[in-house]
Amino acid sequence: MKSMLADENVQKGLSDELKESLNKEVSDLISWLENHPNEEKEVYEKHKLEFQEKMKPLLQGAMPPGTSIPTETTSSNDSPNIEDVD
């Protein structure tokens, strides 16, 4: 996310206020992670989901038109099986 925020092409689609807000969210999360190295998995998952929600404007601005943001419910098995190809 941090590198996406630094990308000039992505920055073009974001307001200065949004860029500042997203950069703060990235910094806050990095700081939180550094200060909580031994949290339970559920706590990390909660922060991950909150962070992903906050980053949606960035992801939507970086995605080509007509594509969608992958979600947790998107199956990683969406590729065709060998049986489908034959």
N, C-alpha and C. Protein backbone atom coordinates (compact mmCIF):
# COMPACT_ATOMS: atom_id res chain seq x y z
N MET A 1 0.82 -1.19 0.00
CA MET A 1 0.00 0.00 0.00
C MET A 1 0.87 1.25 0.00
N LYS A 2 1.93 1.17 0.76
CA LYS A 2 2.82 2.34 0.86
C LYS A 2 3.42 2.67 -0.50
N SER A 3 3.83 1.66 -1.23
CA SER A 3 4.40 1.90 -2.56
C SER A 3 3.33 2.37 -3.55
N MET A 4 2.12 1.88 -3.39
CA MET A 4 1.03 2.35 -4.26
C MET A 4 0.77 3.83 -4.03
N LEU A 5 0.81 4.25 -2.77
CA LEU A 5 0.58 5.66 -2.46
C LEU A 5 1.67 6.56 -3.04
N ALA A 6 2.86 6.00 -3.21
CA ALA A 6 3.96 6.78 -3.76
C ALA A 6 3.95 6.81 -5.30
N ASP A 7 3.18 5.95 -5.92
CA ASP A 7 3.11 5.86 -7.37
C ASP A 7 2.42 7.10 -7.95
N GLU A 8 3.09 7.78 -8.86
CA GLU A 8 2.55 9.01 -9.45
C GLU A 8 1.25 8.77 -10.20
N ASN A 9 1.15 7.64 -10.88
CA ASN A 9 -0.08 7.35 -11.64
C ASN A 9 -1.26 7.17 -10.70
N VAL A 10 -1.05 6.56 -9.55
CA VAL A 10 -2.11 6.36 -8.58
C VAL A 10 -2.46 7.69 -7.92
N GLN A 11 -1.45 8.48 -7.62
CA GLN A 11 -1.66 9.76 -6.94
C GLN A 11 -2.54 10.71 -7.75
N LYS A 12 -2.47 10.60 -9.06
CA LYS A 12 -3.27 11.49 -9.92
C LYS A 12 -4.76 11.38 -9.63
N GLY A 13 -5.23 10.19 -9.24
CA GLY A 13 -6.64 9.98 -9.02
C GLY A 13 -7.10 10.24 -7.59
N LEU A 14 -6.18 10.70 -6.74
CA LEU A 14 -6.52 10.91 -5.33
C LEU A 14 -6.37 12.37 -4.95
N SER A 15 -7.28 12.84 -4.12
CA SER A 15 -7.16 14.20 -3.62
C SER A 15 -6.02 14.26 -2.60
N ASP A 16 -5.51 15.46 -2.36
CA ASP A 16 -4.44 15.63 -1.37
C ASP A 16 -4.90 15.18 0.01
N GLU A 17 -6.14 15.49 0.33
CA GLU A 17 -6.69 15.11 1.63
C GLU A 17 -6.75 13.59 1.78
N LEU A 18 -7.17 12.91 0.72
CA LEU A 18 -7.26 11.45 0.76
C LEU A 18 -5.86 10.83 0.84
N LYS A 19 -4.91 11.36 0.07
CA LYS A 19 -3.54 10.85 0.13
C LYS A 19 -2.98 10.98 1.54
N GLU A 20 -3.20 12.13 2.16
CA GLU A 20 -2.71 12.37 3.51
C GLU A 20 -3.36 11.39 4.49
N SER A 21 -4.65 11.20 4.36
CA SER A 21 -5.38 10.28 5.23
C SER A 21 -4.89 8.84 5.07
N LEU A 22 -4.71 8.41 3.84
CA LEU A 22 -4.26 7.04 3.59
C LEU A 22 -2.83 6.83 4.07
N ASN A 23 -1.97 7.82 3.85
CA ASN A 23 -0.59 7.72 4.35
C ASN A 23 -0.57 7.60 5.87
N LYS A 24 -1.45 8.34 6.53
CA LYS A 24 -1.54 8.26 7.99
C LYS A 24 -1.99 6.87 8.42
N GLU A 25 -2.96 6.31 7.72
CA GLU A 25 -3.44 4.96 8.05
C GLU A 25 -2.32 3.93 7.90
N VAL A 26 -1.53 4.05 6.85
CA VAL A 26 -0.41 3.12 6.63
C VAL A 26 0.60 3.27 7.76
N SER A 27 0.96 4.50 8.08
CA SER A 27 1.92 4.74 9.16
C SER A 27 1.41 4.23 10.50
N ASP A 28 0.12 4.48 10.77
CA ASP A 28 -0.48 4.02 12.02
C ASP A 28 -0.44 2.50 12.12
N LEU A 29 -0.75 1.81 11.02
CA LEU A 29 -0.75 0.36 11.05
C LEU A 29 0.66 -0.18 11.25
N ILE A 30 1.63 0.39 10.56
CA ILE A 30 3.02 -0.06 10.71
C ILE A 30 3.46 0.13 12.16
N SER A 31 3.14 1.27 12.72
CA SER A 31 3.48 1.54 14.12
C SER A 31 2.81 0.53 15.05
N TRP A 32 1.51 0.27 14.81
CA TRP A 32 0.79 -0.69 15.64
C TRP A 32 1.44 -2.07 15.55
N LEU A 33 1.78 -2.50 14.33
CA LEU A 33 2.41 -3.81 14.15
C LEU A 33 3.75 -3.90 14.88
N GLU A 34 4.53 -2.84 14.81
CA GLU A 34 5.82 -2.83 15.49
C GLU A 34 5.66 -2.90 17.01
N ASN A 35 4.58 -2.32 17.52
CA ASN A 35 4.37 -2.29 18.97
C ASN A 35 3.56 -3.48 19.49
N HIS A 36 3.06 -4.32 18.62
CA HIS A 36 2.25 -5.47 19.02
C HIS A 36 2.69 -6.74 18.29
N PRO A 37 3.93 -7.15 18.48
CA PRO A 37 4.42 -8.32 17.73
C PRO A 37 3.85 -9.65 18.20
N ASN A 38 3.22 -9.68 19.37
CA ASN A 38 2.78 -10.96 19.93
C ASN A 38 1.27 -11.04 20.11
N GLU A 39 0.54 -10.32 19.32
CA GLU A 39 -0.93 -10.36 19.42
C GLU A 39 -1.47 -11.68 18.88
N GLU A 40 -2.69 -11.98 19.28
CA GLU A 40 -3.38 -13.17 18.79
C GLU A 40 -3.72 -12.99 17.31
N LYS A 41 -3.86 -14.09 16.61
CA LYS A 41 -4.17 -14.06 15.18
C LYS A 41 -5.45 -13.28 14.90
N GLU A 42 -6.46 -13.46 15.75
CA GLU A 42 -7.74 -12.79 15.56
C GLU A 42 -7.60 -11.26 15.59
N VAL A 43 -6.71 -10.78 16.45
CA VAL A 43 -6.48 -9.34 16.56
C VAL A 43 -5.84 -8.83 15.27
N TYR A 44 -4.86 -9.57 14.75
CA TYR A 44 -4.23 -9.19 13.48
C TYR A 44 -5.26 -9.20 12.34
N GLU A 45 -6.10 -10.21 12.32
CA GLU A 45 -7.12 -10.30 11.28
C GLU A 45 -8.08 -9.11 11.34
N LYS A 46 -8.46 -8.74 12.55
CA LYS A 46 -9.36 -7.60 12.74
C LYS A 46 -8.72 -6.32 12.19
N HIS A 47 -7.46 -6.10 12.53
CA HIS A 47 -6.76 -4.91 12.04
C HIS A 47 -6.57 -4.97 10.52
N LYS A 48 -6.32 -6.15 10.01
CA LYS A 48 -6.16 -6.32 8.56
C LYS A 48 -7.43 -5.93 7.83
N LEU A 49 -8.57 -6.43 8.31
CA LEU A 49 -9.85 -6.12 7.66
C LEU A 49 -10.18 -4.63 7.75
N GLU A 50 -9.92 -4.04 8.91
CA GLU A 50 -10.15 -2.60 9.06
C GLU A 50 -9.27 -1.80 8.11
N PHE A 51 -8.01 -2.22 8.00
CA PHE A 51 -7.07 -1.53 7.11
C PHE A 51 -7.49 -1.67 5.65
N GLN A 52 -7.90 -2.87 5.26
CA GLN A 52 -8.35 -3.09 3.88
C GLN A 52 -9.55 -2.21 3.56
N GLU A 53 -10.45 -2.07 4.50
CA GLU A 53 -11.63 -1.23 4.30
C GLU A 53 -11.21 0.23 4.10
N LYS A 54 -10.27 0.68 4.89
CA LYS A 54 -9.81 2.06 4.79
C LYS A 54 -9.04 2.32 3.50
N MET A 55 -8.44 1.27 2.93
CA MET A 55 -7.63 1.41 1.72
C MET A 55 -8.44 1.26 0.44
N LYS A 56 -9.73 0.97 0.55
CA LYS A 56 -10.56 0.79 -0.65
C LYS A 56 -10.47 1.96 -1.63
N PRO A 57 -10.50 3.21 -1.16
CA PRO A 57 -10.38 4.31 -2.14
C PRO A 57 -9.08 4.25 -2.94
N LEU A 58 -8.01 3.84 -2.29
CA LEU A 58 -6.73 3.72 -2.99
C LEU A 58 -6.80 2.60 -4.01
N LEU A 59 -7.32 1.47 -3.61
CA LEU A 59 -7.40 0.33 -4.52
C LEU A 59 -8.33 0.61 -5.68
N GLN A 60 -9.43 1.26 -5.41
CA GLN A 60 -10.38 1.58 -6.47
C GLN A 60 -9.77 2.58 -7.45
N GLY A 61 -8.98 3.50 -6.96
CA GLY A 61 -8.33 4.48 -7.83
C GLY A 61 -7.23 3.87 -8.67
N ALA A 62 -6.65 2.76 -8.20
CA ALA A 62 -5.54 2.13 -8.90
C ALA A 62 -5.98 1.04 -9.86
N MET A 63 -7.23 0.60 -9.75
CA MET A 63 -7.72 -0.49 -10.59
C MET A 63 -8.15 0.04 -11.95
N PRO A 64 -7.84 -0.71 -13.00
CA PRO A 64 -8.34 -0.32 -14.33
C PRO A 64 -9.87 -0.37 -14.35
N PRO A 65 -10.49 0.47 -15.15
CA PRO A 65 -11.96 0.45 -15.23
C PRO A 65 -12.48 -0.94 -15.60
N GLY A 66 -13.58 -1.32 -14.98
CA GLY A 66 -14.19 -2.61 -15.27
C GLY A 66 -13.68 -3.76 -14.45
N THR A 67 -12.69 -3.52 -13.58
CA THR A 67 -12.19 -4.59 -12.72
C THR A 67 -12.69 -4.35 -11.31
N SER A 68 -12.61 -5.38 -10.49
CA SER A 68 -13.08 -5.25 -9.12
C SER A 68 -11.97 -5.61 -8.15
N ILE A 69 -12.15 -5.17 -6.92
CA ILE A 69 -11.18 -5.44 -5.88
C ILE A 69 -11.43 -6.86 -5.36
N PRO A 70 -10.37 -7.69 -5.29
CA PRO A 70 -10.54 -9.03 -4.73
C PRO A 70 -10.96 -8.92 -3.27
N THR A 71 -11.80 -9.83 -2.84
CA THR A 71 -12.25 -9.83 -1.45
C THR A 71 -11.83 -11.12 -0.78
N GLU A 72 -12.03 -11.19 0.51
CA GLU A 72 -11.72 -12.39 1.26
C GLU A 72 -12.54 -13.58 0.77
N THR A 73 -13.71 -13.31 0.23
CA THR A 73 -14.58 -14.40 -0.22
C THR A 73 -14.23 -14.87 -1.62
N THR A 74 -13.35 -14.14 -2.31
CA THR A 74 -12.94 -14.57 -3.65
C THR A 74 -12.13 -15.85 -3.51
N SER A 75 -12.52 -16.85 -4.22
CA SER A 75 -11.83 -18.13 -4.15
C SER A 75 -10.52 -18.06 -4.89
N SER A 76 -9.49 -18.64 -4.30
CA SER A 76 -8.20 -18.69 -4.98
C SER A 76 -8.19 -19.81 -6.01
N ASN A 77 -9.28 -20.54 -6.10
CA ASN A 77 -9.37 -21.65 -7.02
C ASN A 77 -10.25 -21.29 -8.22
N ASP A 78 -10.21 -20.02 -8.63
CA ASP A 78 -11.02 -19.56 -9.75
C ASP A 78 -10.42 -19.93 -11.11
N SER A 79 -9.17 -20.39 -11.11
CA SER A 79 -8.55 -20.74 -12.37
C SER A 79 -9.13 -22.07 -12.87
N PRO A 80 -9.11 -22.27 -14.17
CA PRO A 80 -9.70 -23.51 -14.71
C PRO A 80 -8.91 -24.74 -14.27
N ASN A 81 -9.61 -25.81 -14.07
CA ASN A 81 -8.97 -27.08 -13.78
C ASN A 81 -8.47 -27.68 -15.08
N ILE A 82 -7.58 -28.62 -14.97
CA ILE A 82 -7.07 -29.26 -16.17
C ILE A 82 -8.20 -29.95 -16.94
N GLU A 83 -9.20 -30.44 -16.20
CA GLU A 83 -10.35 -31.08 -16.85
C GLU A 83 -11.14 -30.06 -17.67
N ASP A 84 -11.19 -28.80 -17.18
CA ASP A 84 -11.91 -27.77 -17.90
C ASP A 84 -11.22 -27.38 -19.19
N VAL A 85 -9.90 -27.47 -19.20
CA VAL A 85 -9.12 -27.06 -20.36
C VAL A 85 -9.13 -28.12 -21.44
N ASP A 86 -9.11 -29.37 -21.05
CA ASP A 86 -9.07 -30.47 -22.03
C ASP A 86 -10.30 -30.52 -22.80
